[in-house]
Amino acid sequence: IILSFFCVFRYELNAPFIFDLFLANA
């Protein structure tokens, strides 16, 4: 559930590309 929020709102974090991909799939 926690990771689903990171997946959905990850663009708000403005994370580097690799970490954005990780948050999208973890």
PDB file of all heavy atoms in Angstrom:
ATOM      1  N   ILE A   1       0.831  -1.207   0.000  1.00  0.00           N
ATOM      2  CA  ILE A   1       0.000   0.000   0.000  1.00  0.00           C
ATOM      3  C   ILE A   1       0.865   1.255   0.000  1.00  0.00           C
ATOM      4  O   ILE A   1       0.614   2.206  -0.757  1.00  0.00           O
ATOM      5  CB  ILE A   1      -0.951  -0.001   1.212  1.00  0.00           C
ATOM      6  CG1 ILE A   1      -1.977  -1.127   1.070  1.00  0.00           C
ATOM      7  CG2 ILE A   1      -1.661   1.352   1.350  1.00  0.00           C
ATOM      8  CD1 ILE A   1      -2.838  -1.331   2.297  1.00  0.00           C
ATOM      9  N   ILE A   2       1.891   1.261   0.835  1.00  0.00           N
ATOM     10  CA  ILE A   2       2.798   2.418   0.892  1.00  0.00           C
ATOM     11  C   ILE A   2       3.478   2.628  -0.459  1.00  0.00           C
ATOM     12  O   ILE A   2       3.558   3.747  -0.986  1.00  0.00           O
ATOM     13  CB  ILE A   2       3.852   2.229   2.000  1.00  0.00           C
ATOM     14  CG1 ILE A   2       3.195   2.234   3.380  1.00  0.00           C
ATOM     15  CG2 ILE A   2       4.928   3.319   1.920  1.00  0.00           C
ATOM     16  CD1 ILE A   2       2.483   3.523   3.717  1.00  0.00           C
ATOM     17  N   LEU A   3       3.970   1.529  -1.060  1.00  0.00           N
ATOM     18  CA  LEU A   3       4.657   1.636  -2.347  1.00  0.00           C
ATOM     19  C   LEU A   3       3.704   2.063  -3.463  1.00  0.00           C
ATOM     20  O   LEU A   3       4.131   2.691  -4.437  1.00  0.00           O
ATOM     21  CB  LEU A   3       5.315   0.305  -2.703  1.00  0.00           C
ATOM     22  CG  LEU A   3       6.559  -0.066  -1.882  1.00  0.00           C
ATOM     23  CD1 LEU A   3       7.021  -1.480  -2.204  1.00  0.00           C
ATOM     24  CD2 LEU A   3       7.684   0.933  -2.123  1.00  0.00           C
ATOM     25  N   SER A   4       2.417   1.738  -3.332  1.00  0.00           N
ATOM     26  CA  SER A   4       1.455   2.176  -4.338  1.00  0.00           C
ATOM     27  C   SER A   4       1.334   3.700  -4.345  1.00  0.00           C
ATOM     28  O   SER A   4       1.192   4.310  -5.405  1.00  0.00           O
ATOM     29  CB  SER A   4       0.090   1.531  -4.086  1.00  0.00           C
ATOM     30  OG  SER A   4      -0.530   2.063  -2.926  1.00  0.00           O
ATOM     31  N   PHE A   5       1.429   4.324  -3.179  1.00  0.00           N
ATOM     32  CA  PHE A   5       1.391   5.784  -3.111  1.00  0.00           C
ATOM     33  C   PHE A   5       2.663   6.380  -3.716  1.00  0.00           C
ATOM     34  O   PHE A   5       2.608   7.395  -4.415  1.00  0.00           O
ATOM     35  CB  PHE A   5       1.208   6.249  -1.668  1.00  0.00           C
ATOM     36  CG  PHE A   5      -0.213   6.197  -1.196  1.00  0.00           C
ATOM     37  CD1 PHE A   5      -0.713   5.048  -0.592  1.00  0.00           C
ATOM     38  CD2 PHE A   5      -1.054   7.286  -1.362  1.00  0.00           C
ATOM     39  CE1 PHE A   5      -2.028   4.992  -0.164  1.00  0.00           C
ATOM     40  CE2 PHE A   5      -2.371   7.243  -0.938  1.00  0.00           C
ATOM     41  CZ  PHE A   5      -2.876   6.084  -0.333  1.00  0.00           C
ATOM     42  N   PHE A   6       3.801   5.751  -3.441  1.00  0.00           N
ATOM     43  CA  PHE A   6       5.041   6.218  -4.065  1.00  0.00           C
ATOM     44  C   PHE A   6       4.972   6.079  -5.581  1.00  0.00           C
ATOM     45  O   PHE A   6       5.462   6.933  -6.315  1.00  0.00           O
ATOM     46  CB  PHE A   6       6.232   5.440  -3.520  1.00  0.00           C
ATOM     47  CG  PHE A   6       6.766   5.959  -2.218  1.00  0.00           C
ATOM     48  CD1 PHE A   6       6.550   5.271  -1.030  1.00  0.00           C
ATOM     49  CD2 PHE A   6       7.483   7.145  -2.172  1.00  0.00           C
ATOM     50  CE1 PHE A   6       7.038   5.748   0.172  1.00  0.00           C
ATOM     51  CE2 PHE A   6       7.974   7.639  -0.976  1.00  0.00           C
ATOM     52  CZ  PHE A   6       7.749   6.930   0.201  1.00  0.00           C
ATOM     53  N   CYS A   7       4.364   4.985  -6.054  1.00  0.00           N
ATOM     54  CA  CYS A   7       4.226   4.769  -7.499  1.00  0.00           C
ATOM     55  C   CYS A   7       3.366   5.854  -8.134  1.00  0.00           C
ATOM     56  O   CYS A   7       3.731   6.428  -9.159  1.00  0.00           O
ATOM     57  CB  CYS A   7       3.615   3.393  -7.751  1.00  0.00           C
ATOM     58  SG  CYS A   7       3.256   3.021  -9.484  1.00  0.00           S
ATOM     59  N   VAL A   8       2.247   6.140  -7.513  1.00  0.00           N
ATOM     60  CA  VAL A   8       1.293   7.083  -8.092  1.00  0.00           C
ATOM     61  C   VAL A   8       1.777   8.520  -8.002  1.00  0.00           C
ATOM     62  O   VAL A   8       1.586   9.318  -8.931  1.00  0.00           O
ATOM     63  CB  VAL A   8      -0.077   6.930  -7.400  1.00  0.00           C
ATOM     64  CG1 VAL A   8      -1.027   8.057  -7.805  1.00  0.00           C
ATOM     65  CG2 VAL A   8      -0.695   5.571  -7.739  1.00  0.00           C
ATOM     66  N   PHE A   9       2.432   8.870  -6.901  1.00  0.00           N
ATOM     67  CA  PHE A   9       2.829  10.262  -6.683  1.00  0.00           C
ATOM     68  C   PHE A   9       4.333  10.480  -6.847  1.00  0.00           C
ATOM     69  O   PHE A   9       4.879  11.469  -6.361  1.00  0.00           O
ATOM     70  CB  PHE A   9       2.405  10.717  -5.279  1.00  0.00           C
ATOM     71  CG  PHE A   9       0.926  10.698  -5.073  1.00  0.00           C
ATOM     72  CD1 PHE A   9       0.330   9.733  -4.269  1.00  0.00           C
ATOM     73  CD2 PHE A   9       0.111  11.630  -5.707  1.00  0.00           C
ATOM     74  CE1 PHE A   9      -1.038   9.704  -4.073  1.00  0.00           C
ATOM     75  CE2 PHE A   9      -1.266  11.614  -5.517  1.00  0.00           C
ATOM     76  CZ  PHE A   9      -1.847  10.651  -4.702  1.00  0.00           C
ATOM     77  N   ARG A  10       5.000   9.575  -7.556  1.00  0.00           N
ATOM     78  CA  ARG A  10       6.457   9.649  -7.635  1.00  0.00           C
ATOM     79  C   ARG A  10       6.954  10.897  -8.358  1.00  0.00           C
ATOM     80  O   ARG A  10       8.060  11.381  -8.067  1.00  0.00           O
ATOM     81  CB  ARG A  10       7.032   8.404  -8.308  1.00  0.00           C
ATOM     82  CG  ARG A  10       6.636   8.205  -9.759  1.00  0.00           C
ATOM     83  CD  ARG A  10       7.121   6.860 -10.276  1.00  0.00           C
ATOM     84  NE  ARG A  10       6.886   6.667 -11.694  1.00  0.00           N
ATOM     85  CZ  ARG A  10       5.748   6.207 -12.196  1.00  0.00           C
ATOM     86  NH1 ARG A  10       4.744   5.902 -11.387  1.00  0.00           N
ATOM     87  NH2 ARG A  10       5.616   6.053 -13.505  1.00  0.00           N
ATOM     88  N   TYR A  11       6.185  11.426  -9.289  1.00  0.00           N
ATOM     89  CA  TYR A  11       6.637  12.624  -9.991  1.00  0.00           C
ATOM     90  C   TYR A  11       6.724  13.831  -9.068  1.00  0.00           C
ATOM     91  O   TYR A  11       7.460  14.777  -9.347  1.00  0.00           O
ATOM     92  CB  TYR A  11       5.701  12.931 -11.166  1.00  0.00           C
ATOM     93  CG  TYR A  11       5.926  12.040 -12.368  1.00  0.00           C
ATOM     94  CD1 TYR A  11       5.010  11.999 -13.416  1.00  0.00           C
ATOM     95  CD2 TYR A  11       7.063  11.239 -12.469  1.00  0.00           C
ATOM     96  CE1 TYR A  11       5.216  11.180 -14.527  1.00  0.00           C
ATOM     97  CE2 TYR A  11       7.275  10.420 -13.566  1.00  0.00           C
ATOM     98  CZ  TYR A  11       6.357  10.393 -14.580  1.00  0.00           C
ATOM     99  OH  TYR A  11       6.563   9.582 -15.676  1.00  0.00           O
ATOM    100  N   GLU A  12       5.974  13.791  -7.984  1.00  0.00           N
ATOM    101  CA  GLU A  12       6.065  14.882  -7.013  1.00  0.00           C
ATOM    102  C   GLU A  12       7.426  14.908  -6.320  1.00  0.00           C
ATOM    103  O   GLU A  12       7.852  15.940  -5.811  1.00  0.00           O
ATOM    104  CB  GLU A  12       4.961  14.742  -5.961  1.00  0.00           C
ATOM    105  CG  GLU A  12       3.539  14.762  -6.527  1.00  0.00           C
ATOM    106  CD  GLU A  12       3.176  16.112  -7.110  1.00  0.00           C
ATOM    107  OE1 GLU A  12       3.719  17.126  -6.629  1.00  0.00           O
ATOM    108  OE2 GLU A  12       2.350  16.154  -8.052  1.00  0.00           O
ATOM    109  N   LEU A  13       8.098  13.752  -6.308  1.00  0.00           N
ATOM    110  CA  LEU A  13       9.400  13.657  -5.655  1.00  0.00           C
ATOM    111  C   LEU A  13      10.522  14.178  -6.536  1.00  0.00           C
ATOM    112  O   LEU A  13      11.615  14.473  -6.038  1.00  0.00           O
ATOM    113  CB  LEU A  13       9.695  12.199  -5.283  1.00  0.00           C
ATOM    114  CG  LEU A  13       8.687  11.517  -4.352  1.00  0.00           C
ATOM    115  CD1 LEU A  13       9.064  10.049  -4.162  1.00  0.00           C
ATOM    116  CD2 LEU A  13       8.634  12.231  -3.006  1.00  0.00           C
ATOM    117  N   ASN A  14      10.272  14.253  -7.848  1.00  0.00           N
ATOM    118  CA  ASN A  14      11.296  14.706  -8.787  1.00  0.00           C
ATOM    119  C   ASN A  14      12.586  13.896  -8.621  1.00  0.00           C
ATOM    120  O   ASN A  14      13.691  14.446  -8.608  1.00  0.00           O
ATOM    121  CB  ASN A  14      11.577  16.204  -8.599  1.00  0.00           C
ATOM    122  CG  ASN A  14      12.292  16.802  -9.795  1.00  0.00           C
ATOM    123  OD1 ASN A  14      12.164  16.322 -10.918  1.00  0.00           O
ATOM    124  ND2 ASN A  14      13.068  17.850  -9.548  1.00  0.00           N
ATOM    125  N   ALA A  15      12.424  12.583  -8.489  1.00  0.00           N
ATOM    126  CA  ALA A  15      13.569  11.698  -8.261  1.00  0.00           C
ATOM    127  C   ALA A  15      14.345  11.482  -9.547  1.00  0.00           C
ATOM    128  O   ALA A  15      13.798  11.620 -10.651  1.00  0.00           O
ATOM    129  CB  ALA A  15      13.080  10.359  -7.721  1.00  0.00           C
ATOM    130  N   PRO A  16      15.640  11.146  -9.444  1.00  0.00           N
ATOM    131  CA  PRO A  16      16.422  10.797 -10.634  1.00  0.00           C
ATOM    132  C   PRO A  16      15.763   9.651 -11.396  1.00  0.00           C
ATOM    133  O   PRO A  16      14.989   8.872 -10.831  1.00  0.00           O
ATOM    134  CB  PRO A  16      17.782  10.385 -10.057  1.00  0.00           C
ATOM    135  CG  PRO A  16      17.858  11.084  -8.739  1.00  0.00           C
ATOM    136  CD  PRO A  16      16.460  11.122  -8.217  1.00  0.00           C
ATOM    137  N   PHE A  17      16.098   9.534 -12.666  1.00  0.00           N
ATOM    138  CA  PHE A  17      15.443   8.593 -13.572  1.00  0.00           C
ATOM    139  C   PHE A  17      15.419   7.169 -13.026  1.00  0.00           C
ATOM    140  O   PHE A  17      14.372   6.499 -13.040  1.00  0.00           O
ATOM    141  CB  PHE A  17      16.148   8.626 -14.929  1.00  0.00           C
ATOM    142  CG  PHE A  17      15.630   7.622 -15.914  1.00  0.00           C
ATOM    143  CD1 PHE A  17      14.377   7.776 -16.491  1.00  0.00           C
ATOM    144  CD2 PHE A  17      16.391   6.514 -16.272  1.00  0.00           C
ATOM    145  CE1 PHE A  17      13.889   6.839 -17.407  1.00  0.00           C
ATOM    146  CE2 PHE A  17      15.920   5.588 -17.182  1.00  0.00           C
ATOM    147  CZ  PHE A  17      14.668   5.750 -17.751  1.00  0.00           C
ATOM    148  N   ILE A  18      16.559   6.680 -12.548  1.00  0.00           N
ATOM    149  CA  ILE A  18      16.643   5.309 -12.064  1.00  0.00           C
ATOM    150  C   ILE A  18      15.726   5.089 -10.873  1.00  0.00           C
ATOM    151  O   ILE A  18      15.007   4.082 -10.784  1.00  0.00           O
ATOM    152  CB  ILE A  18      18.102   4.952 -11.702  1.00  0.00           C
ATOM    153  CG1 ILE A  18      18.956   4.865 -12.964  1.00  0.00           C
ATOM    154  CG2 ILE A  18      18.161   3.621 -10.949  1.00  0.00           C
ATOM    155  CD1 ILE A  18      18.496   3.811 -13.951  1.00  0.00           C
ATOM    156  N   PHE A  19      15.728   6.020  -9.929  1.00  0.00           N
ATOM    157  CA  PHE A  19      14.894   5.867  -8.744  1.00  0.00           C
ATOM    158  C   PHE A  19      13.419   6.034  -9.088  1.00  0.00           C
ATOM    159  O   PHE A  19      12.552   5.423  -8.453  1.00  0.00           O
ATOM    160  CB  PHE A  19      15.330   6.861  -7.671  1.00  0.00           C
ATOM    161  CG  PHE A  19      16.703   6.591  -7.139  1.00  0.00           C
ATOM    162  CD1 PHE A  19      17.792   7.337  -7.562  1.00  0.00           C
ATOM    163  CD2 PHE A  19      16.925   5.561  -6.241  1.00  0.00           C
ATOM    164  CE1 PHE A  19      19.061   7.072  -7.095  1.00  0.00           C
ATOM    165  CE2 PHE A  19      18.188   5.280  -5.759  1.00  0.00           C
ATOM    166  CZ  PHE A  19      19.263   6.033  -6.188  1.00  0.00           C
ATOM    167  N   ASP A  20      13.129   6.829 -10.105  1.00  0.00           N
ATOM    168  CA  ASP A  20      11.755   6.955 -10.570  1.00  0.00           C
ATOM    169  C   ASP A  20      11.270   5.617 -11.140  1.00  0.00           C
ATOM    170  O   ASP A  20      10.140   5.191 -10.862  1.00  0.00           O
ATOM    171  CB  ASP A  20      11.665   8.048 -11.629  1.00  0.00           C
ATOM    172  CG  ASP A  20      10.248   8.251 -12.142  1.00  0.00           C
ATOM    173  OD1 ASP A  20       9.470   8.932 -11.448  1.00  0.00           O
ATOM    174  OD2 ASP A  20       9.924   7.733 -13.215  1.00  0.00           O
ATOM    175  N   LEU A  21      12.117   4.955 -11.924  1.00  0.00           N
ATOM    176  CA  LEU A  21      11.766   3.641 -12.453  1.00  0.00           C
ATOM    177  C   LEU A  21      11.577   2.624 -11.329  1.00  0.00           C
ATOM    178  O   LEU A  21      10.673   1.780 -11.383  1.00  0.00           O
ATOM    179  CB  LEU A  21      12.848   3.147 -13.412  1.00  0.00           C
ATOM    180  CG  LEU A  21      12.786   3.619 -14.862  1.00  0.00           C
ATOM    181  CD1 LEU A  21      13.984   3.080 -15.640  1.00  0.00           C
ATOM    182  CD2 LEU A  21      11.489   3.177 -15.521  1.00  0.00           C
ATOM    183  N   PHE A  22      12.426   2.708 -10.325  1.00  0.00           N
ATOM    184  CA  PHE A  22      12.294   1.787  -9.191  1.00  0.00           C
ATOM    185  C   PHE A  22      10.969   1.993  -8.476  1.00  0.00           C
ATOM    186  O   PHE A  22      10.246   1.029  -8.174  1.00  0.00           O
ATOM    187  CB  PHE A  22      13.456   1.984  -8.216  1.00  0.00           C
ATOM    188  CG  PHE A  22      13.303   1.193  -6.941  1.00  0.00           C
ATOM    189  CD1 PHE A  22      13.600  -0.162  -6.916  1.00  0.00           C
ATOM    190  CD2 PHE A  22      12.853   1.800  -5.774  1.00  0.00           C
ATOM    191  CE1 PHE A  22      13.445  -0.899  -5.746  1.00  0.00           C
ATOM    192  CE2 PHE A  22      12.694   1.076  -4.605  1.00  0.00           C
ATOM    193  CZ  PHE A  22      12.995  -0.279  -4.588  1.00  0.00           C
ATOM    194  N   LEU A  23      10.605   3.241  -8.204  1.00  0.00           N
ATOM    195  CA  LEU A  23       9.351   3.534  -7.524  1.00  0.00           C
ATOM    196  C   LEU A  23       8.145   3.130  -8.371  1.00  0.00           C
ATOM    197  O   LEU A  23       7.094   2.763  -7.844  1.00  0.00           O
ATOM    198  CB  LEU A  23       9.266   5.021  -7.186  1.00  0.00           C
ATOM    199  CG  LEU A  23      10.263   5.532  -6.145  1.00  0.00           C
ATOM    200  CD1 LEU A  23      10.146   7.044  -5.988  1.00  0.00           C
ATOM    201  CD2 LEU A  23      10.038   4.838  -4.799  1.00  0.00           C
ATOM    202  N   ALA A  24       8.295   3.183  -9.691  1.00  0.00           N
ATOM    203  CA  ALA A  24       7.202   2.805 -10.581  1.00  0.00           C
ATOM    204  C   ALA A  24       6.941   1.309 -10.567  1.00  0.00           C
ATOM    205  O   ALA A  24       5.819   0.862 -10.850  1.00  0.00           O
ATOM    206  CB  ALA A  24       7.515   3.259 -12.007  1.00  0.00           C
ATOM    207  N   ASN A  25       7.943   0.493 -10.207  1.00  0.00           N
ATOM    208  CA  ASN A  25       7.811  -0.953 -10.337  1.00  0.00           C
ATOM    209  C   ASN A  25       7.951  -1.738  -9.040  1.00  0.00           C
ATOM    210  O   ASN A  25       7.568  -2.915  -8.993  1.00  0.00           O
ATOM    211  CB  ASN A  25       8.849  -1.465 -11.344  1.00  0.00           C
ATOM    212  CG  ASN A  25       8.584  -0.986 -12.756  1.00  0.00           C
ATOM    213  OD1 ASN A  25       7.708  -1.494 -13.442  1.00  0.00           O
ATOM    214  ND2 ASN A  25       9.339   0.018 -13.197  1.00  0.00           N
ATOM    215  N   ALA A  26       8.470  -1.122  -7.994  1.00  0.00           N
ATOM    216  CA  ALA A  26       8.659  -1.838  -6.727  1.00  0.00           C
ATOM    217  C   ALA A  26       7.338  -2.326  -6.147  1.00  0.00           C
ATOM    218  O   ALA A  26       7.279  -3.376  -5.498  1.00  0.00           O
ATOM    219  CB  ALA A  26       9.381  -0.936  -5.721  1.00  0.00           C
TER     220      ALA A  26
END
